[in-house]
Each structure stands twice: as structure tokens, then as C-alpha cells.
PDB file of N, CA and C in Angstrom:
ATOM      1  N   MET A   1      44.136  66.647  55.926  1.00  0.00           N
ATOM      2  CA  MET A   1      43.862  68.044  56.160  1.00  0.00           C
ATOM      3  C   MET A   1      43.583  68.710  54.815  1.00  0.00           C
ATOM      4  N   LEU A   2      42.469  69.401  54.728  1.00  0.00           N
ATOM      5  CA  LEU A   2      42.109  70.120  53.511  1.00  0.00           C
ATOM      6  C   LEU A   2      41.955  71.588  53.849  1.00  0.00           C
ATOM      7  N   ASP A   3      42.756  72.425  53.212  1.00  0.00           N
ATOM      8  CA  ASP A   3      42.676  73.868  53.444  1.00  0.00           C
ATOM      9  C   ASP A   3      41.562  74.480  52.607  1.00  0.00           C
ATOM     10  N   GLN A   4      41.002  75.571  53.089  1.00  0.00           N
ATOM     11  CA  GLN A   4      40.002  76.318  52.330  1.00  0.00           C
ATOM     12  C   GLN A   4      40.648  76.983  51.123  1.00  0.00           C
ATOM     13  N   ASP A   5      41.841  77.519  51.314  1.00  0.00           N
ATOM     14  CA  ASP A   5      42.579  78.162  50.230  1.00  0.00           C
ATOM     15  C   ASP A   5      43.715  77.240  49.807  1.00  0.00           C
ATOM     16  N   ILE A   6      43.761  76.960  48.534  1.00  0.00           N
ATOM     17  CA  ILE A   6      44.765  76.034  48.019  1.00  0.00           C
ATOM     18  C   ILE A   6      46.096  76.754  47.853  1.00  0.00           C
ATOM     19  N   PHE A   7      47.149  76.109  48.331  1.00  0.00           N
ATOM     20  CA  PHE A   7      48.494  76.657  48.229  1.00  0.00           C
ATOM     21  C   PHE A   7      49.442  75.508  47.942  1.00  0.00           C
ATOM     22  N   LEU A   8      50.326  75.691  46.987  1.00  0.00           N
ATOM     23  CA  LEU A   8      51.331  74.675  46.690  1.00  0.00           C
ATOM     24  C   LEU A   8      52.716  75.222  47.001  1.00  0.00           C
ATOM     25  N   PHE A   9      53.489  74.415  47.701  1.00  0.00           N
ATOM     26  CA  PHE A   9      54.872  74.767  47.974  1.00  0.00           C
ATOM     27  C   PHE A   9      55.712  74.477  46.743  1.00  0.00           C
ATOM     28  N   ASN A  10      56.806  75.178  46.576  1.00  0.00           N
ATOM     29  CA  ASN A  10      57.731  74.916  45.493  1.00  0.00           C
ATOM     30  C   ASN A  10      58.571  73.700  45.897  1.00  0.00           C
ATOM     31  N   ASP A  11      57.942  72.533  45.809  1.00  0.00           N
ATOM     32  CA  ASP A  11      58.539  71.300  46.319  1.00  0.00           C
ATOM     33  C   ASP A  11      57.928  70.133  45.537  1.00  0.00           C
ATOM     34  N   THR A  12      58.210  68.916  45.962  1.00  0.00           N
ATOM     35  CA  THR A  12      57.676  67.738  45.285  1.00  0.00           C
ATOM     36  C   THR A  12      56.186  67.595  45.566  1.00  0.00           C
ATOM     37  N   ILE A  13      55.508  66.816  44.729  1.00  0.00           N
ATOM     38  CA  ILE A  13      54.094  66.518  44.968  1.00  0.00           C
ATOM     39  C   ILE A  13      53.948  65.821  46.313  1.00  0.00           C
ATOM     40  N   LYS A  14      54.829  64.870  46.585  1.00  0.00           N
ATOM     41  CA  LYS A  14      54.783  64.127  47.845  1.00  0.00           C
ATOM     42  C   LYS A  14      54.845  65.075  49.040  1.00  0.00           C
ATOM     43  N   ASN A  15      55.771  66.024  49.027  1.00  0.00           N
ATOM     44  CA  ASN A  15      55.898  66.950  50.151  1.00  0.00           C
ATOM     45  C   ASN A  15      54.720  67.907  50.248  1.00  0.00           C
ATOM     46  N   ASN A  16      54.121  68.261  49.119  1.00  0.00           N
ATOM     47  CA  ASN A  16      52.921  69.099  49.158  1.00  0.00           C
ATOM     48  C   ASN A  16      51.748  68.346  49.778  1.00  0.00           C
ATOM     49  N   ILE A  17      51.628  67.071  49.470  1.00  0.00           N
ATOM     50  CA  ILE A  17      50.537  66.265  50.014  1.00  0.00           C
ATOM     51  C   ILE A  17      50.739  66.021  51.505  1.00  0.00           C
ATOM     52  N   ARG A  18      51.977  65.788  51.918  1.00  0.00           N
ATOM     53  CA  ARG A  18      52.260  65.386  53.298  1.00  0.00           C
ATOM     54  C   ARG A  18      52.723  66.532  54.188  1.00  0.00           C
ATOM     55  N   TYR A  19      52.541  67.779  53.771  1.00  0.00           N
ATOM     56  CA  TYR A  19      53.111  68.879  54.540  1.00  0.00           C
ATOM     57  C   TYR A  19      52.548  68.976  55.960  1.00  0.00           C
ATOM     58  N   ALA A  20      51.306  68.586  56.181  1.00  0.00           N
ATOM     59  CA  ALA A  20      50.724  68.682  57.523  1.00  0.00           C
ATOM     60  C   ALA A  20      51.131  67.511  58.409  1.00  0.00           C
ATOM     61  N   ASN A  21      51.507  66.394  57.778  1.00  0.00           N
ATOM     62  CA  ASN A  21      51.879  65.210  58.539  1.00  0.00           C
ATOM     63  C   ASN A  21      52.855  64.397  57.699  1.00  0.00           C
ATOM     64  N   GLN A  22      54.122  64.479  58.031  1.00  0.00           N
ATOM     65  CA  GLN A  22      55.158  63.795  57.254  1.00  0.00           C
ATOM     66  C   GLN A  22      55.017  62.274  57.302  1.00  0.00           C
ATOM     67  N   GLU A  23      54.255  61.763  58.238  1.00  0.00           N
ATOM     68  CA  GLU A  23      54.049  60.317  58.356  1.00  0.00           C
ATOM     69  C   GLU A  23      52.760  59.862  57.680  1.00  0.00           C
ATOM     70  N   ALA A  24      52.055  60.776  57.017  1.00  0.00           N
ATOM     71  CA  ALA A  24      50.772  60.441  56.383  1.00  0.00           C
ATOM     72  C   ALA A  24      50.971  59.342  55.341  1.00  0.00           C
ATOM     73  N   THR A  25      49.982  58.470  55.212  1.00  0.00           N
ATOM     74  CA  THR A  25      50.030  57.359  54.262  1.00  0.00           C
ATOM     75  C   THR A  25      48.989  57.544  53.153  1.00  0.00           C
ATOM     76  N   ASP A  26      48.292  58.511  52.686  1.00  0.00           N
ATOM     77  CA  ASP A  26      47.393  59.011  51.623  1.00  0.00           C
ATOM     78  C   ASP A  26      45.896  58.717  51.788  1.00  0.00           C
ATOM     79  N   GLU A  27      45.276  57.880  51.049  1.00  0.00           N
ATOM     80  CA  GLU A  27      43.846  57.598  50.914  1.00  0.00           C
ATOM     81  C   GLU A  27      42.930  58.648  51.537  1.00  0.00           C
ATOM     82  N   ALA A  28      42.423  59.522  50.691  1.00  0.00           N
ATOM     83  CA  ALA A  28      41.597  60.659  51.117  1.00  0.00           C
ATOM     84  C   ALA A  28      40.274  60.257  51.737  1.00  0.00           C
ATOM     85  N   THR A  29      39.724  59.123  51.356  1.00  0.00           N
ATOM     86  CA  THR A  29      38.400  58.750  51.846  1.00  0.00           C
ATOM     87  C   THR A  29      38.437  57.701  52.959  1.00  0.00           C
ATOM     88  N   ALA A  30      39.614  57.295  53.400  1.00  0.00           N
ATOM     89  CA  ALA A  30      39.732  56.187  54.347  1.00  0.00           C
ATOM     90  C   ALA A  30      39.046  56.433  55.689  1.00  0.00           C
ATOM     91  N   SER A  31      39.078  57.649  56.176  1.00  0.00           N
ATOM     92  CA  SER A  31      38.531  57.926  57.508  1.00  0.00           C
ATOM     93  C   SER A  31      37.194  58.658  57.474  1.00  0.00           C
ATOM     94  N   LEU A  32      36.565  58.691  56.317  1.00  0.00           N
ATOM     95  CA  LEU A  32      35.300  59.404  56.193  1.00  0.00           C
ATOM     96  C   LEU A  32      34.112  58.486  56.432  1.00  0.00           C
ATOM     97  N   ASP A  33      33.029  59.068  56.961  1.00  0.00           N
ATOM     98  CA  ASP A  33      31.796  58.302  57.053  1.00  0.00           C
ATOM     99  C   ASP A  33      31.176  58.233  55.652  1.00  0.00           C
ATOM    100  N   ILE A  34      30.149  57.439  55.502  1.00  0.00           N
ATOM    101  CA  ILE A  34      29.541  57.187  54.187  1.00  0.00           C
ATOM    102  C   ILE A  34      29.078  58.473  53.505  1.00  0.00           C
ATOM    103  N   GLU A  35      28.420  59.358  54.251  1.00  0.00           N
ATOM    104  CA  GLU A  35      27.889  60.589  53.663  1.00  0.00           C
ATOM    105  C   GLU A  35      28.995  61.489  53.141  1.00  0.00           C
ATOM    106  N   ASN A  36      30.041  61.681  53.931  1.00  0.00           N
ATOM    107  CA  ASN A  36      31.136  62.548  53.507  1.00  0.00           C
ATOM    108  C   ASN A  36      31.980  61.906  52.418  1.00  0.00           C
ATOM    109  N   GLU A  37      32.100  60.590  52.436  1.00  0.00           N
ATOM    110  CA  GLU A  37      32.811  59.908  51.348  1.00  0.00           C
ATOM    111  C   GLU A  37      32.082  60.157  50.028  1.00  0.00           C
ATOM    112  N   LEU A  38      30.755  60.075  50.045  1.00  0.00           N
ATOM    113  CA  LEU A  38      29.975  60.338  48.839  1.00  0.00           C
ATOM    114  C   LEU A  38      30.177  61.775  48.356  1.00  0.00           C
ATOM    115  N   LEU A  39      30.200  62.731  49.288  1.00  0.00           N
ATOM    116  CA  LEU A  39      30.425  64.132  48.907  1.00  0.00           C
ATOM    117  C   LEU A  39      31.801  64.335  48.276  1.00  0.00           C
ATOM    118  N   VAL A  40      32.822  63.682  48.821  1.00  0.00           N
ATOM    119  CA  VAL A  40      34.170  63.786  48.258  1.00  0.00           C
ATOM    120  C   VAL A  40      34.195  63.179  46.856  1.00  0.00           C
ATOM    121  N   LYS A  41      33.561  62.010  46.683  1.00  0.00           N
ATOM    122  CA  LYS A  41      33.519  61.368  45.370  1.00  0.00           C
ATOM    123  C   LYS A  41      32.791  62.247  44.351  1.00  0.00           C
ATOM    124  N   GLN A  42      31.704  62.896  44.783  1.00  0.00           N
ATOM    125  CA  GLN A  42      30.977  63.793  43.875  1.00  0.00           C
ATOM    126  C   GLN A  42      31.834  65.006  43.507  1.00  0.00           C
ATOM    127  N   ALA A  43      32.572  65.536  44.462  1.00  0.00           N
ATOM    128  CA  ALA A  43      33.446  66.680  44.191  1.00  0.00           C
ATOM    129  C   ALA A  43      34.535  66.293  43.192  1.00  0.00           C
ATOM    130  N   ILE A  44      35.099  65.113  43.352  1.00  0.00           N
ATOM    131  CA  ILE A  44      36.126  64.635  42.419  1.00  0.00           C
ATOM    132  C   ILE A  44      35.522  64.453  41.030  1.00  0.00           C
ATOM    133  N   ALA A  45      34.326  63.865  40.963  1.00  0.00           N
ATOM    134  CA  ALA A  45      33.661  63.673  39.671  1.00  0.00           C
ATOM    135  C   ALA A  45      33.420  65.009  38.987  1.00  0.00           C
ATOM    136  N   ASN A  46      33.041  66.019  39.748  1.00  0.00           N
ATOM    137  CA  ASN A  46      32.830  67.364  39.182  1.00  0.00           C
ATOM    138  C   ASN A  46      34.132  67.963  38.672  1.00  0.00           C
ATOM    139  N   LEU A  47      35.227  67.758  39.388  1.00  0.00           N
ATOM    140  CA  LEU A  47      36.528  68.259  38.936  1.00  0.00           C
ATOM    141  C   LEU A  47      36.950  67.597  37.632  1.00  0.00           C
ATOM    142  N   LEU A  48      36.678  66.299  37.522  1.00  0.00           N
ATOM    143  CA  LEU A  48      37.085  65.564  36.324  1.00  0.00           C
ATOM    144  C   LEU A  48      36.314  66.003  35.082  1.00  0.00           C
ATOM    145  N   LYS A  49      35.150  66.627  35.265  1.00  0.00           N
ATOM    146  CA  LYS A  49      34.354  67.109  34.134  1.00  0.00           C
ATOM    147  C   LYS A  49      34.889  68.423  33.585  1.00  0.00           C
ATOM    148  N   LYS A  50      35.726  69.100  34.354  1.00  0.00           N
ATOM    149  CA  LYS A  50      36.239  70.404  33.948  1.00  0.00           C
ATOM    150  C   LYS A  50      37.591  70.260  33.268  1.00  0.00           C
ATOM    151  N   ASP A  51      38.042  71.323  32.645  1.00  0.00           N
ATOM    152  CA  ASP A  51      39.332  71.323  31.958  1.00  0.00           C
ATOM    153  C   ASP A  51      40.429  71.613  32.976  1.00  0.00           C
ATOM    154  N   LYS A  52      40.690  70.627  33.833  1.00  0.00           N
ATOM    155  CA  LYS A  52      41.665  70.784  34.908  1.00  0.00           C
ATOM    156  C   LYS A  52      42.522  69.526  34.998  1.00  0.00           C
ATOM    157  N   THR A  53      43.684  69.696  35.539  1.00  0.00           N
ATOM    158  CA  THR A  53      44.516  68.540  35.858  1.00  0.00           C
ATOM    159  C   THR A  53      44.263  68.195  37.314  1.00  0.00           C
ATOM    160  N   VAL A  54      43.863  66.964  37.561  1.00  0.00           N
ATOM    161  CA  VAL A  54      43.570  66.493  38.906  1.00  0.00           C
ATOM    162  C   VAL A  54      44.486  65.312  39.181  1.00  0.00           C
ATOM    163  N   ILE A  55      45.247  65.406  40.247  1.00  0.00           N
ATOM    164  CA  ILE A  55      46.107  64.294  40.655  1.00  0.00           C
ATOM    165  C   ILE A  55      45.479  63.675  41.891  1.00  0.00           C
ATOM    166  N   MET A  56      45.139  62.402  41.786  1.00  0.00           N
ATOM    167  CA  MET A  56      44.497  61.692  42.900  1.00  0.00           C
ATOM    168  C   MET A  56      45.353  60.506  43.308  1.00  0.00           C
ATOM    169  N   ILE A  57      45.367  60.263  44.585  1.00  0.00           N
ATOM    170  CA  ILE A  57      45.971  59.042  45.100  1.00  0.00           C
ATOM    171  C   ILE A  57      44.844  58.334  45.827  1.00  0.00           C
ATOM    172  N   ALA A  58      44.456  57.174  45.342  1.00  0.00           N
ATOM    173  CA  ALA A  58      43.291  56.505  45.916  1.00  0.00           C
ATOM    174  C   ALA A  58      43.409  54.998  45.797  1.00  0.00           C
ATOM    175  N   HIS A  59      42.827  54.331  46.763  1.00  0.00           N
ATOM    176  CA  HIS A  59      42.710  52.887  46.702  1.00  0.00           C
ATOM    177  C   HIS A  59      41.296  52.494  46.297  1.00  0.00           C
ATOM    178  N   THR A  60      40.378  53.436  46.398  1.00  0.00           N
ATOM    179  CA  THR A  60      38.996  53.198  46.011  1.00  0.00           C
ATOM    180  C   THR A  60      38.897  53.420  44.500  1.00  0.00           C
ATOM    181  N   LEU A  61      38.776  52.335  43.756  1.00  0.00           N
ATOM    182  CA  LEU A  61      38.856  52.413  42.307  1.00  0.00           C
ATOM    183  C   LEU A  61      37.706  53.179  41.682  1.00  0.00           C
ATOM    184  N   SER A  62      36.542  53.176  42.321  1.00  0.00           N
ATOM    185  CA  SER A  62      35.421  53.928  41.754  1.00  0.00           C
ATOM    186  C   SER A  62      35.720  55.423  41.707  1.00  0.00           C
ATOM    187  N   VAL A  63      36.635  55.877  42.552  1.00  0.00           N
ATOM    188  CA  VAL A  63      37.027  57.288  42.567  1.00  0.00           C
ATOM    189  C   VAL A  63      37.824  57.639  41.308  1.00  0.00           C
ATOM    190  N   VAL A  64      38.656  56.730  40.833  1.00  0.00           N
ATOM    191  CA  VAL A  64      39.522  57.024  39.693  1.00  0.00           C
ATOM    192  C   VAL A  64      39.008  56.478  38.366  1.00  0.00           C
ATOM    193  N   LYS A  65      37.924  55.731  38.386  1.00  0.00           N
ATOM    194  CA  LYS A  65      37.408  55.052  37.190  1.00  0.00           C
ATOM    195  C   LYS A  65      37.270  55.982  35.984  1.00  0.00           C
ATOM    196  N   HIS A  66      36.811  57.204  36.181  1.00  0.00           N
ATOM    197  CA  HIS A  66      36.540  58.111  35.066  1.00  0.00           C
ATOM    198  C   HIS A  66      37.710  59.038  34.724  1.00  0.00           C
ATOM    199  N   ALA A  67      38.854  58.815  35.331  1.00  0.00           N
ATOM    200  CA  ALA A  67      40.029  59.638  35.016  1.00  0.00           C
ATOM    201  C   ALA A  67      40.504  59.367  33.591  1.00  0.00           C
ATOM    202  N   ASP A  68      41.089  60.378  32.963  1.00  0.00           N
ATOM    203  CA  ASP A  68      41.631  60.222  31.608  1.00  0.00           C
ATOM    204  C   ASP A  68      42.842  59.309  31.577  1.00  0.00           C
ATOM    205  N   HIS A  69      43.588  59.291  32.663  1.00  0.00           N
ATOM    206  CA  HIS A  69      44.826  58.509  32.719  1.00  0.00           C
ATOM    207  C   HIS A  69      45.023  58.014  34.147  1.00  0.00           C
ATOM    208  N   ILE A  70      45.135  56.725  34.296  1.00  0.00           N
ATOM    209  CA  ILE A  70      45.324  56.101  35.611  1.00  0.00           C
ATOM    210  C   ILE A  70      46.703  55.465  35.624  1.00  0.00           C
ATOM    211  N   ILE A  71      47.434  55.720  36.678  1.00  0.00           N
ATOM    212  CA  ILE A  71      48.750  55.107  36.855  1.00  0.00           C
ATOM    213  C   ILE A  71      48.660  54.174  38.052  1.00  0.00           C
ATOM    214  N   VAL A  72      48.997  52.918  37.841  1.00  0.00           N
ATOM    215  CA  VAL A  72      48.968  51.921  38.904  1.00  0.00           C
ATOM    216  C   VAL A  72      50.384  51.767  39.440  1.00  0.00           C
ATOM    217  N   VAL A  73      50.535  51.988  40.741  1.00  0.00           N
ATOM    218  CA  VAL A  73      51.839  51.922  41.389  1.00  0.00           C
ATOM    219  C   VAL A  73      51.842  50.743  42.359  1.00  0.00           C
ATOM    220  N   SER A  74      52.888  49.951  42.312  1.00  0.00           N
ATOM    221  CA  SER A  74      53.058  48.834  43.229  1.00  0.00           C
ATOM    222  C   SER A  74      54.499  48.829  43.701  1.00  0.00           C
ATOM    223  N   ASP A  75      54.684  48.799  45.001  1.00  0.00           N
ATOM    224  CA  ASP A  75      56.026  48.823  45.588  1.00  0.00           C
ATOM    225  C   ASP A  75      56.860  49.994  45.080  1.00  0.00           C
ATOM    226  N   GLY A  76      56.198  51.155  44.917  1.00  0.00           N
ATOM    227  CA  GLY A  76      56.896  52.363  44.509  1.00  0.00           C
ATOM    228  C   GLY A  76      57.234  52.451  43.031  1.00  0.00           C
ATOM    229  N   ARG A  77      56.735  51.512  42.228  1.00  0.00           N
ATOM    230  CA  ARG A  77      57.024  51.505  40.794  1.00  0.00           C
ATOM    231  C   ARG A  77      55.730  51.522  39.989  1.00  0.00           C
ATOM    232  N   ILE A  78      55.767  52.193  38.846  1.00  0.00           N
ATOM    233  CA  ILE A  78      54.628  52.186  37.939  1.00  0.00           C
ATOM    234  C   ILE A  78      54.577  50.823  37.260  1.00  0.00           C
ATOM    235  N   VAL A  79      53.448  50.120  37.429  1.00  0.00           N
ATOM    236  CA  VAL A  79      53.328  48.786  36.830  1.00  0.00           C
ATOM    237  C   VAL A  79      52.348  48.764  35.665  1.00  0.00           C
ATOM    238  N   GLU A  80      51.420  49.709  35.617  1.00  0.00           N
ATOM    239  CA  GLU A  80      50.455  49.804  34.520  1.00  0.00           C
ATOM    240  C   GLU A  80      49.995  51.247  34.414  1.00  0.00           C
ATOM    241  N   GLN A  81      49.519  51.608  33.234  1.00  0.00           N
ATOM    242  CA  GLN A  81      48.899  52.911  33.069  1.00  0.00           C
ATOM    243  C   GLN A  81      47.998  52.911  31.858  1.00  0.00           C
ATOM    244  N   GLY A  82      46.961  53.737  31.911  1.00  0.00           N
ATOM    245  CA  GLY A  82      46.003  53.844  30.824  1.00  0.00           C
ATOM    246  C   GLY A  82      44.654  54.290  31.352  1.00  0.00           C
ATOM    247  N   THR A  83      43.628  54.149  30.531  1.00  0.00           N
ATOM    248  CA  THR A  83      42.269  54.447  30.981  1.00  0.00           C
ATOM    249  C   THR A  83      41.733  53.243  31.743  1.00  0.00           C
ATOM    250  N   HIS A  84      40.600  53.415  32.361  1.00  0.00           N
ATOM    251  CA  HIS A  84      39.954  52.314  33.083  1.00  0.00           C
ATOM    252  C   HIS A  84      39.765  51.114  32.152  1.00  0.00           C
ATOM    253  N   GLU A  85      39.217  51.359  30.959  1.00  0.00           N
ATOM    254  CA  GLU A  85      38.950  50.281  30.010  1.00  0.00           C
ATOM    255  C   GLU A  85      40.238  49.599  29.542  1.00  0.00           C
ATOM    256  N   GLN A  86      41.263  50.405  29.266  1.00  0.00           N
ATOM    257  CA  GLN A  86      42.541  49.832  28.835  1.00  0.00           C
ATOM    258  C   GLN A  86      43.143  48.960  29.928  1.00  0.00           C
ATOM    259  N   LEU A  87      43.083  49.437  31.157  1.00  0.00           N
ATOM    260  CA  LEU A  87      43.660  48.682  32.269  1.00  0.00           C
ATOM    261  C   LEU A  87      42.891  47.387  32.513  1.00  0.00           C
ATOM    262  N   LEU A  88      41.571  47.419  32.369  1.00  0.00           N
ATOM    263  CA  LEU A  88      40.801  46.181  32.521  1.00  0.00           C
ATOM    264  C   LEU A  88      41.185  45.170  31.447  1.00  0.00           C
ATOM    265  N   SER A  89      41.402  45.646  30.219  1.00  0.00           N
ATOM    266  CA  SER A  89      41.740  44.738  29.118  1.00  0.00           C
ATOM    267  C   SER A  89      43.123  44.109  29.276  1.00  0.00           C
ATOM    268  N   MET A  90      43.986  44.716  30.073  1.00  0.00           N
ATOM    269  CA  MET A  90      45.337  44.171  30.302  1.00  0.00           C
ATOM    270  C   MET A  90      45.310  42.948  31.215  1.00  0.00           C
ATOM    271  N   ASN A  91      44.210  42.796  31.979  1.00  0.00           N
ATOM    272  CA  ASN A  91      44.086  41.686  32.936  1.00  0.00           C
ATOM    273  C   ASN A  91      45.261  41.609  33.902  1.00  0.00           C
ATOM    274  N   GLY A  92      45.743  42.770  34.320  1.00  0.00           N
ATOM    275  CA  GLY A  92      46.865  42.829  35.254  1.00  0.00           C
ATOM    276  C   GLY A  92      46.409  43.204  36.650  1.00  0.00           C
ATOM    277  N   LYS A  93      47.238  43.969  37.332  1.00  0.00           N
ATOM    278  CA  LYS A  93      46.999  44.344  38.724  1.00  0.00           C
ATOM    279  C   LYS A  93      45.711  45.159  38.878  1.00  0.00           C
ATOM    280  N   TYR A  94      45.508  46.152  38.008  1.00  0.00           N
ATOM    281  CA  TYR A  94      44.306  46.986  38.099  1.00  0.00           C
ATOM    282  C   TYR A  94      43.045  46.138  37.918  1.00  0.00           C
ATOM    283  N   ALA A  95      43.050  45.286  36.904  1.00  0.00           N
ATOM    284  CA  ALA A  95      41.886  44.429  36.647  1.00  0.00           C
ATOM    285  C   ALA A  95      41.611  43.527  37.839  1.00  0.00           C
ATOM    286  N   SER A  96      42.660  43.014  38.444  1.00  0.00           N
ATOM    287  CA  SER A  96      42.509  42.158  39.625  1.00  0.00           C
ATOM    288  C   SER A  96      41.910  42.948  40.799  1.00  0.00           C
ATOM    289  N   MET A  97      42.411  44.164  41.004  1.00  0.00           N
ATOM    290  CA  MET A  97      41.882  45.004  42.082  1.00  0.00           C
ATOM    291  C   MET A  97      40.426  45.373  41.806  1.00  0.00           C
ATOM    292  N   TRP A  98      40.099  45.670  40.542  1.00  0.00           N
ATOM    293  CA  TRP A  98      38.726  46.026  40.159  1.00  0.00           C
ATOM    294  C   TRP A  98      37.772  44.862  40.448  1.00  0.00           C
ATOM    295  N   GLU A  99      38.205  43.647  40.116  1.00  0.00           N
ATOM    296  CA  GLU A  99      37.391  42.463  40.350  1.00  0.00           C
ATOM    297  C   GLU A  99      37.137  42.248  41.841  1.00  0.00           C
ATOM    298  N   ILE A 100      38.179  42.405  42.647  1.00  0.00           N
ATOM    299  CA  ILE A 100      38.038  42.254  44.097  1.00  0.00           C
ATOM    300  C   ILE A 100      37.121  43.330  44.646  1.00  0.00           C
ATOM    301  N   ASP A 101      37.306  44.572  44.187  1.00  0.00           N
ATOM    302  CA  ASP A 101      36.473  45.687  44.646  1.00  0.00           C
ATOM    303  C   ASP A 101      35.002  45.433  44.304  1.00  0.00           C
ATOM    304  N   ALA A 102      34.742  44.928  43.096  1.00  0.00           N
ATOM    305  CA  ALA A 102      33.374  44.636  42.676  1.00  0.00           C
ATOM    306  C   ALA A 102      32.746  43.560  43.557  1.00  0.00           C
ATOM    307  N   LYS A 103      33.518  42.535  43.900  1.00  0.00           N
ATOM    308  CA  LYS A 103      33.006  41.464  44.767  1.00  0.00           C
ATOM    309  C   LYS A 103      32.698  41.997  46.166  1.00  0.00           C
ATOM    310  N   LEU A 104      33.565  42.857  46.682  1.00  0.00           N
ATOM    311  CA  LEU A 104      33.343  43.431  48.012  1.00  0.00           C
ATOM    312  C   LEU A 104      32.095  44.321  48.046  1.00  0.00           C
ATOM    313  N   ASN A 105      31.864  45.051  46.969  1.00  0.00           N
ATOM    314  CA  ASN A 105      30.706  45.946  46.916  1.00  0.00           C
ATOM    315  C   ASN A 105      29.399  45.197  46.711  1.00  0.00           C
ATOM    316  N   MET A 106      29.478  43.945  46.246  1.00  0.00           N
ATOM    317  CA  MET A 106      28.267  43.126  46.088  1.00  0.00           C
ATOM    318  C   MET A 106      27.850  42.499  47.416  1.00  0.00           C
ATOM    319  N   ALA A 107      28.786  42.363  48.322  1.00  0.00           N
ATOM    320  CA  ALA A 107      28.515  41.681  49.600  1.00  0.00           C
ATOM    321  C   ALA A 107      27.600  42.489  50.483  1.00  0.00           C
TER     322      ALA A 107
END
């Protein structure tokens, strides 16, 4: 659910994200068709160009590739963090996910 007017509750980030559905599991682009997914990705790219703090939760790595700081979470714990290039050079979880994502997009 995306509101026209942005409002944040004086609560945790998790509760602000899940306020409309306490059982929500995140991924903003999971249920979008191709055209709307592209529009969301373009909107995120535009936000990242501005002097703003943007917090994204995404499984689609191309969405977060240009972020200044990426945090990789696995089983509720931070396992890696850095820029896209730094995370690729670590050859860890992010690099593995990036490689799989690249193979899937080539198919």
C-alpha cells in the first residue's frame, strides 16, 4: 500500500512499513507487472539522485545497485554491508545473489 501523502508513525521502521498489513513480507516490486515495476525502479533511481535518505527493502538487486550503502541481511542478521562494488569484491552472499540474478536475467 502506497499513500499519496507520506506519514510516519512514531514507531519502528518495521511497524511503519507494515502498518497496513502486520503479516506483510516486504518486496515492493513482487506483485507488479513489468511496466509498473519499471516505473517504480525509475522513481527509486530518481530519489537516489537527490540529497535524501532512502531506505529500501528489496530482493531485486538492480533496484539497490546504485545505493550509497547496501546492507545485506540473512536470517535477521547483517552479514555484509558496503557499496555495490565493495560487496561484489567480498565474494560473499551479495556477490552470489548478484551472479544468480545476472544469470536469470540472461535467460
